[in-house]
């Protein structure tokens, strides 16, 4: 399906929805609710969504602050000396603590750039993930 066809389909559905909304208004005006709840308020042609409905359920998002970082540290500990986001994701799945790639990626980036807990061995490009490296602890002795 081309982009033009998708846009045309969207516009057609929007017109049909507008027609249905008009029929519902007419039916409600005549007192024929029959137990049908009123529609959600509309903004710019789209239903209004309350702020608490926008949140997507993400594992670990409701955990205490810093918990995701600790979980990812556990995953890193199971990885070899060099690893990618995919390796950490597999390790976390084995631990029974799966997280989204977005959570893992942002945490690994923070560990590498801000806290310097890990090193970037090779920066990723396109579909090639960044390769991270654990610090050589003998340097710190």
N, C-alpha and C. Protein backbone atom coordinates (compact mmCIF):
# COMPACT_ATOMS: atom_id res chain seq x y z
N UNK A 1 0.86 -1.17 0.00
CA UNK A 1 0.00 0.00 0.00
C UNK A 1 0.90 1.23 0.00
N UNK A 2 0.63 2.16 -0.89
CA UNK A 2 1.45 3.36 -0.99
C UNK A 2 1.00 4.39 0.04
N UNK A 3 1.86 5.37 0.24
CA UNK A 3 1.55 6.43 1.19
C UNK A 3 0.30 7.19 0.77
N UNK A 4 0.14 7.43 -0.51
CA UNK A 4 -1.04 8.13 -1.01
C UNK A 4 -2.31 7.34 -0.71
N UNK A 5 -2.27 6.01 -0.90
CA UNK A 5 -3.44 5.18 -0.60
C UNK A 5 -3.76 5.20 0.89
N UNK A 6 -2.74 5.19 1.73
CA UNK A 6 -2.95 5.23 3.17
C UNK A 6 -3.61 6.55 3.58
N UNK A 7 -3.12 7.65 3.02
CA UNK A 7 -3.69 8.97 3.33
C UNK A 7 -5.14 9.04 2.86
N UNK A 8 -5.42 8.51 1.67
CA UNK A 8 -6.79 8.52 1.16
C UNK A 8 -7.70 7.67 2.04
N UNK A 9 -7.22 6.52 2.49
CA UNK A 9 -8.00 5.66 3.37
C UNK A 9 -8.27 6.37 4.70
N UNK A 10 -7.26 7.03 5.25
CA UNK A 10 -7.44 7.77 6.50
C UNK A 10 -8.51 8.84 6.34
N UNK A 11 -8.43 9.60 5.26
CA UNK A 11 -9.41 10.66 5.03
C UNK A 11 -10.82 10.10 4.86
N UNK A 12 -10.93 8.98 4.17
CA UNK A 12 -12.24 8.34 3.98
C UNK A 12 -12.80 7.89 5.33
N UNK A 13 -11.96 7.26 6.15
CA UNK A 13 -12.41 6.82 7.47
C UNK A 13 -12.79 7.99 8.36
N UNK A 14 -12.04 9.09 8.25
CA UNK A 14 -12.36 10.29 9.04
C UNK A 14 -13.73 10.82 8.65
N UNK A 15 -14.03 10.83 7.34
CA UNK A 15 -15.33 11.30 6.87
C UNK A 15 -16.46 10.39 7.36
N UNK A 16 -16.21 9.06 7.30
CA UNK A 16 -17.22 8.12 7.76
C UNK A 16 -17.45 8.25 9.26
N UNK A 17 -16.40 8.44 10.01
CA UNK A 17 -16.52 8.62 11.45
C UNK A 17 -17.30 9.89 11.77
N UNK A 18 -17.06 10.94 11.01
CA UNK A 18 -17.80 12.18 11.20
C UNK A 18 -19.30 11.96 10.97
N UNK A 19 -19.63 11.18 9.96
CA UNK A 19 -21.03 10.88 9.67
C UNK A 19 -21.66 10.08 10.82
N UNK A 20 -20.93 9.10 11.34
CA UNK A 20 -21.42 8.28 12.45
C UNK A 20 -21.65 9.16 13.67
N UNK A 21 -20.71 10.07 13.96
CA UNK A 21 -20.85 10.98 15.11
C UNK A 21 -22.10 11.84 14.98
N UNK A 22 -22.41 12.30 13.75
CA UNK A 22 -23.61 13.10 13.53
C UNK A 22 -24.87 12.29 13.82
N UNK A 23 -24.90 11.02 13.36
CA UNK A 23 -26.05 10.17 13.64
C UNK A 23 -26.20 9.93 15.14
N UNK A 24 -25.10 9.74 15.84
CA UNK A 24 -25.15 9.56 17.30
C UNK A 24 -25.71 10.80 17.99
N UNK A 25 -25.29 11.97 17.54
CA UNK A 25 -25.80 13.22 18.13
C UNK A 25 -27.31 13.33 17.92
N UNK A 26 -27.76 12.98 16.73
CA UNK A 26 -29.19 13.04 16.43
C UNK A 26 -29.95 12.07 17.33
N UNK A 27 -29.42 10.85 17.47
CA UNK A 27 -30.08 9.84 18.30
C UNK A 27 -30.13 10.28 19.76
N UNK A 28 -29.06 10.86 20.26
CA UNK A 28 -29.03 11.32 21.65
C UNK A 28 -30.00 12.49 21.85
N UNK A 29 -30.07 13.35 20.86
CA UNK A 29 -30.98 14.50 20.96
C UNK A 29 -32.43 14.02 21.04
N UNK A 30 -32.71 12.89 20.44
CA UNK A 30 -34.06 12.34 20.48
C UNK A 30 -34.28 11.47 21.71
N UNK A 31 -33.22 11.34 22.54
CA UNK A 31 -33.35 10.59 23.80
C UNK A 31 -33.16 9.10 23.66
N UNK A 32 -32.55 8.65 22.61
CA UNK A 32 -32.36 7.21 22.40
C UNK A 32 -30.93 6.81 22.77
N UNK A 33 -30.63 6.82 24.07
CA UNK A 33 -29.28 6.46 24.47
C UNK A 33 -29.10 4.95 24.57
N UNK A 34 -30.14 4.24 25.02
CA UNK A 34 -30.11 2.77 25.13
C UNK A 34 -28.85 2.25 25.84
N UNK A 35 -28.39 3.00 26.84
CA UNK A 35 -27.24 2.54 27.61
C UNK A 35 -25.89 2.77 26.95
N UNK A 36 -25.85 3.48 25.84
CA UNK A 36 -24.58 3.74 25.16
C UNK A 36 -23.93 4.94 25.83
N UNK A 37 -22.67 4.79 26.29
CA UNK A 37 -22.01 5.92 26.95
C UNK A 37 -21.71 7.04 25.97
N UNK A 38 -21.60 8.27 26.46
CA UNK A 38 -21.27 9.38 25.57
C UNK A 38 -19.84 9.22 25.05
N UNK A 39 -19.58 9.77 23.88
CA UNK A 39 -18.23 9.64 23.31
C UNK A 39 -17.24 10.49 24.11
N UNK A 40 -15.96 10.16 24.02
CA UNK A 40 -14.97 11.00 24.70
C UNK A 40 -14.90 12.36 24.03
N UNK A 41 -14.54 13.42 24.77
CA UNK A 41 -14.43 14.74 24.15
C UNK A 41 -13.41 14.71 23.02
N UNK A 42 -13.68 15.47 21.98
CA UNK A 42 -12.80 15.49 20.81
C UNK A 42 -11.96 16.76 20.80
N UNK A 43 -10.72 16.61 20.37
CA UNK A 43 -9.82 17.75 20.15
C UNK A 43 -9.19 17.59 18.78
N UNK A 44 -9.36 18.56 17.94
CA UNK A 44 -8.79 18.53 16.59
C UNK A 44 -9.17 17.26 15.83
N UNK A 45 -10.39 16.78 16.01
CA UNK A 45 -10.85 15.61 15.28
C UNK A 45 -10.39 14.29 15.88
N UNK A 46 -9.68 14.33 17.01
CA UNK A 46 -9.21 13.09 17.64
C UNK A 46 -9.75 13.04 19.07
N UNK A 47 -10.00 11.86 19.59
CA UNK A 47 -10.50 11.77 20.96
C UNK A 47 -9.47 12.28 21.95
N UNK A 48 -9.96 12.96 22.98
CA UNK A 48 -9.09 13.46 24.03
C UNK A 48 -8.71 12.30 24.94
N UNK A 49 -7.44 12.16 25.25
CA UNK A 49 -6.95 11.09 26.11
C UNK A 49 -6.42 11.73 27.38
N UNK A 50 -6.89 11.24 28.50
CA UNK A 50 -6.41 11.75 29.78
C UNK A 50 -4.93 11.44 29.93
N UNK A 51 -4.17 12.30 30.63
CA UNK A 51 -2.73 12.09 30.77
C UNK A 51 -2.35 10.72 31.34
N UNK A 52 -3.13 10.19 32.28
CA UNK A 52 -2.77 8.90 32.85
C UNK A 52 -3.03 7.74 31.88
N UNK A 53 -3.75 7.98 30.78
CA UNK A 53 -3.99 6.94 29.79
C UNK A 53 -2.88 6.88 28.75
N UNK A 54 -2.02 7.89 28.70
CA UNK A 54 -0.96 7.94 27.70
C UNK A 54 0.23 7.06 28.06
N UNK A 55 0.36 6.71 29.31
CA UNK A 55 1.51 5.95 29.74
C UNK A 55 1.43 4.53 29.21
N UNK A 56 2.51 4.09 28.60
CA UNK A 56 2.58 2.72 28.12
C UNK A 56 3.16 1.85 29.22
N UNK A 57 2.66 0.66 29.38
CA UNK A 57 3.24 -0.20 30.41
C UNK A 57 4.63 -0.66 30.01
N UNK A 58 5.63 -0.27 30.77
CA UNK A 58 7.01 -0.66 30.51
C UNK A 58 7.53 -1.34 31.76
N UNK A 59 8.08 -2.55 31.59
CA UNK A 59 8.61 -3.27 32.73
C UNK A 59 9.66 -2.43 33.43
N UNK A 60 9.58 -2.36 34.74
CA UNK A 60 10.57 -1.63 35.52
C UNK A 60 10.24 -0.16 35.67
N UNK A 61 9.25 0.36 34.93
CA UNK A 61 8.95 1.78 34.98
C UNK A 61 8.32 2.17 36.31
N UNK A 62 7.66 1.23 36.96
CA UNK A 62 7.03 1.54 38.23
C UNK A 62 7.93 1.18 39.42
N UNK A 63 9.15 0.74 39.12
CA UNK A 63 10.11 0.36 40.17
C UNK A 63 10.74 1.61 40.77
N UNK A 64 11.35 1.46 41.95
CA UNK A 64 12.01 2.61 42.57
C UNK A 64 13.13 3.17 41.69
N UNK A 65 13.46 4.44 41.90
CA UNK A 65 14.48 5.11 41.11
C UNK A 65 15.80 4.34 41.21
N UNK A 66 16.45 4.11 40.07
CA UNK A 66 17.74 3.44 40.05
C UNK A 66 17.64 1.94 39.89
N UNK A 67 16.43 1.39 39.95
CA UNK A 67 16.26 -0.05 39.86
C UNK A 67 16.62 -0.57 38.48
N UNK A 68 16.28 0.16 37.43
CA UNK A 68 16.60 -0.27 36.07
C UNK A 68 18.12 -0.34 35.90
N UNK A 69 18.84 0.63 36.44
CA UNK A 69 20.30 0.62 36.35
C UNK A 69 20.88 -0.61 37.03
N UNK A 70 20.35 -0.95 38.19
CA UNK A 70 20.83 -2.12 38.92
C UNK A 70 20.56 -3.40 38.14
N UNK A 71 19.39 -3.49 37.53
CA UNK A 71 19.04 -4.67 36.73
C UNK A 71 20.00 -4.79 35.55
N UNK A 72 20.31 -3.68 34.90
CA UNK A 72 21.20 -3.71 33.75
C UNK A 72 22.63 -4.05 34.19
N UNK A 73 23.05 -3.59 35.34
CA UNK A 73 24.36 -3.99 35.87
C UNK A 73 24.43 -5.50 36.05
N UNK A 74 23.34 -6.11 36.52
CA UNK A 74 23.29 -7.56 36.68
C UNK A 74 23.42 -8.25 35.31
N UNK A 75 22.76 -7.68 34.30
CA UNK A 75 22.86 -8.24 32.95
C UNK A 75 24.26 -8.12 32.39
N UNK A 76 24.91 -6.97 32.61
CA UNK A 76 26.27 -6.76 32.14
C UNK A 76 27.22 -7.77 32.79
N UNK A 77 26.98 -8.05 34.06
CA UNK A 77 27.84 -9.00 34.77
C UNK A 77 27.81 -10.38 34.13
N UNK A 78 26.70 -10.74 33.49
CA UNK A 78 26.58 -12.04 32.83
C UNK A 78 27.20 -12.05 31.43
N UNK A 79 27.50 -10.88 30.89
CA UNK A 79 28.06 -10.78 29.55
C UNK A 79 29.58 -10.94 29.60
N UNK A 80 30.16 -11.17 28.44
CA UNK A 80 31.61 -11.26 28.34
C UNK A 80 32.25 -9.90 28.51
N UNK A 81 33.56 -9.82 28.20
CA UNK A 81 34.29 -8.56 28.35
C UNK A 81 33.78 -7.50 27.37
N UNK A 82 33.38 -7.94 26.17
CA UNK A 82 32.75 -7.02 25.21
C UNK A 82 31.33 -7.53 24.95
N UNK A 83 30.42 -6.59 24.73
CA UNK A 83 29.02 -6.95 24.59
C UNK A 83 28.28 -5.83 23.88
N UNK A 84 27.07 -6.17 23.41
CA UNK A 84 26.19 -5.20 22.75
C UNK A 84 24.88 -5.14 23.52
N UNK A 85 24.02 -4.27 23.07
CA UNK A 85 22.69 -4.16 23.67
C UNK A 85 21.95 -5.49 23.58
N UNK A 86 22.16 -6.22 22.47
CA UNK A 86 21.49 -7.51 22.27
C UNK A 86 21.95 -8.53 23.31
N UNK A 87 23.25 -8.52 23.62
CA UNK A 87 23.77 -9.43 24.64
C UNK A 87 23.16 -9.13 26.00
N UNK A 88 23.06 -7.85 26.34
CA UNK A 88 22.47 -7.46 27.63
C UNK A 88 21.00 -7.86 27.67
N UNK A 89 20.29 -7.65 26.56
CA UNK A 89 18.88 -8.02 26.51
C UNK A 89 18.70 -9.52 26.74
N UNK A 90 19.54 -10.35 26.11
CA UNK A 90 19.45 -11.81 26.30
C UNK A 90 19.75 -12.18 27.75
N UNK A 91 20.76 -11.54 28.34
CA UNK A 91 21.12 -11.84 29.73
C UNK A 91 19.98 -11.48 30.67
N UNK A 92 19.34 -10.35 30.43
CA UNK A 92 18.22 -9.94 31.28
C UNK A 92 17.03 -10.88 31.14
N UNK A 93 16.82 -11.39 29.94
CA UNK A 93 15.74 -12.35 29.72
C UNK A 93 16.04 -13.63 30.49
N UNK A 94 17.30 -14.06 30.47
CA UNK A 94 17.69 -15.26 31.23
C UNK A 94 17.49 -15.04 32.74
N UNK A 95 17.72 -13.81 33.19
CA UNK A 95 17.53 -13.50 34.61
C UNK A 95 16.05 -13.40 34.98
N UNK A 96 15.19 -13.36 33.97
CA UNK A 96 13.76 -13.19 34.22
C UNK A 96 13.40 -11.74 34.51
N UNK A 97 14.25 -10.82 34.04
CA UNK A 97 14.01 -9.39 34.24
C UNK A 97 14.10 -8.66 32.91
N UNK A 98 13.22 -9.00 31.95
CA UNK A 98 13.33 -8.36 30.63
C UNK A 98 13.00 -6.87 30.70
N UNK A 99 13.76 -6.10 29.96
CA UNK A 99 13.52 -4.66 29.81
C UNK A 99 13.46 -4.36 28.32
N UNK A 100 12.92 -3.19 27.98
CA UNK A 100 12.86 -2.80 26.58
C UNK A 100 14.25 -2.38 26.11
N UNK A 101 14.44 -2.47 24.80
CA UNK A 101 15.74 -2.05 24.25
C UNK A 101 15.97 -0.56 24.50
N UNK A 102 14.91 0.22 24.53
CA UNK A 102 15.05 1.65 24.81
C UNK A 102 15.62 1.86 26.21
N UNK A 103 15.11 1.12 27.19
CA UNK A 103 15.62 1.24 28.55
C UNK A 103 17.08 0.81 28.63
N UNK A 104 17.40 -0.30 27.97
CA UNK A 104 18.77 -0.80 28.00
C UNK A 104 19.71 0.17 27.29
N UNK A 105 19.30 0.63 26.12
CA UNK A 105 20.14 1.53 25.34
C UNK A 105 20.44 2.83 26.07
N UNK A 106 19.40 3.43 26.63
CA UNK A 106 19.62 4.72 27.31
C UNK A 106 20.49 4.54 28.55
N UNK A 107 20.34 3.41 29.24
CA UNK A 107 21.16 3.16 30.43
C UNK A 107 22.61 2.90 30.04
N UNK A 108 22.83 2.09 29.00
CA UNK A 108 24.21 1.83 28.56
C UNK A 108 24.88 3.13 28.10
N UNK A 109 24.14 3.97 27.39
CA UNK A 109 24.69 5.25 26.95
C UNK A 109 25.06 6.12 28.14
N UNK A 110 24.21 6.14 29.15
CA UNK A 110 24.51 6.92 30.36
C UNK A 110 25.73 6.35 31.07
N UNK A 111 25.82 5.02 31.17
CA UNK A 111 26.97 4.39 31.81
C UNK A 111 28.26 4.74 31.09
N UNK A 112 28.21 4.81 29.76
CA UNK A 112 29.41 5.09 28.97
C UNK A 112 29.77 6.57 28.98
N UNK A 113 28.79 7.45 28.85
CA UNK A 113 29.08 8.87 28.68
C UNK A 113 29.16 9.67 29.97
N UNK A 114 28.28 9.38 30.91
CA UNK A 114 28.22 10.20 32.12
C UNK A 114 28.96 9.57 33.29
N UNK A 115 28.63 8.34 33.61
CA UNK A 115 29.21 7.74 34.81
C UNK A 115 30.53 7.03 34.52
N UNK A 116 30.86 6.81 33.24
CA UNK A 116 32.11 6.16 32.81
C UNK A 116 32.27 4.76 33.42
N UNK A 117 31.15 4.08 33.69
CA UNK A 117 31.20 2.73 34.25
C UNK A 117 31.64 1.71 33.21
N UNK A 118 31.34 2.00 31.93
CA UNK A 118 31.73 1.10 30.84
C UNK A 118 32.38 1.93 29.75
N UNK A 119 33.03 1.25 28.82
CA UNK A 119 33.71 1.92 27.71
C UNK A 119 33.01 1.58 26.40
N UNK A 120 33.11 2.48 25.44
CA UNK A 120 32.62 2.20 24.09
C UNK A 120 33.82 1.72 23.29
N UNK A 121 33.79 0.45 22.89
CA UNK A 121 34.89 -0.09 22.09
C UNK A 121 34.73 0.30 20.63
N UNK A 122 33.50 0.19 20.13
CA UNK A 122 33.23 0.55 18.74
C UNK A 122 31.83 1.11 18.65
N UNK A 123 31.72 2.33 18.15
CA UNK A 123 30.43 3.00 18.01
C UNK A 123 29.62 2.32 16.93
N UNK A 124 28.36 2.08 17.21
CA UNK A 124 27.47 1.44 16.24
C UNK A 124 27.06 2.41 15.15
N UNK A 125 26.62 1.85 14.05
CA UNK A 125 26.19 2.66 12.92
C UNK A 125 25.09 1.90 12.19
N UNK A 126 23.95 2.54 11.99
CA UNK A 126 22.84 1.89 11.30
C UNK A 126 22.32 0.73 12.12
N UNK A 127 22.29 -0.46 11.51
CA UNK A 127 21.78 -1.62 12.25
C UNK A 127 22.89 -2.36 13.00
N UNK A 128 24.09 -1.84 12.99
CA UNK A 128 25.21 -2.41 13.75
C UNK A 128 25.20 -1.79 15.14
N UNK A 129 25.01 -2.61 16.19
CA UNK A 129 24.96 -2.04 17.54
C UNK A 129 26.34 -1.61 18.04
N UNK A 130 26.33 -0.69 18.98
CA UNK A 130 27.55 -0.26 19.63
C UNK A 130 28.12 -1.42 20.44
N UNK A 131 29.43 -1.56 20.40
CA UNK A 131 30.09 -2.60 21.19
C UNK A 131 30.68 -1.93 22.42
N UNK A 132 30.25 -2.39 23.58
CA UNK A 132 30.72 -1.86 24.85
C UNK A 132 31.76 -2.79 25.44
N UNK A 133 32.58 -2.25 26.32
CA UNK A 133 33.64 -3.03 26.95
C UNK A 133 33.66 -2.73 28.43
N UNK A 134 33.87 -3.78 29.23
CA UNK A 134 34.00 -3.59 30.66
C UNK A 134 35.36 -2.99 30.95
N UNK A 135 35.44 -2.19 32.02
CA UNK A 135 36.72 -1.65 32.44
C UNK A 135 37.63 -2.79 32.86
N UNK A 136 38.94 -2.66 32.55
CA UNK A 136 39.92 -3.63 33.04
C UNK A 136 40.23 -3.24 34.48
N UNK A 137 39.76 -4.04 35.41
CA UNK A 137 39.88 -3.69 36.82
C UNK A 137 41.33 -3.71 37.31
N UNK A 138 42.26 -4.32 36.55
CA UNK A 138 43.66 -4.32 36.99
C UNK A 138 44.26 -2.92 36.92
N UNK A 139 43.65 -2.05 36.09
CA UNK A 139 44.13 -0.67 35.99
C UNK A 139 43.94 0.08 37.31
N UNK A 140 42.95 -0.33 38.10
CA UNK A 140 42.57 0.41 39.28
C UNK A 140 43.23 -0.12 40.55
N UNK A 141 44.10 -1.11 40.42
CA UNK A 141 44.75 -1.68 41.62
C UNK A 141 46.02 -0.93 41.97
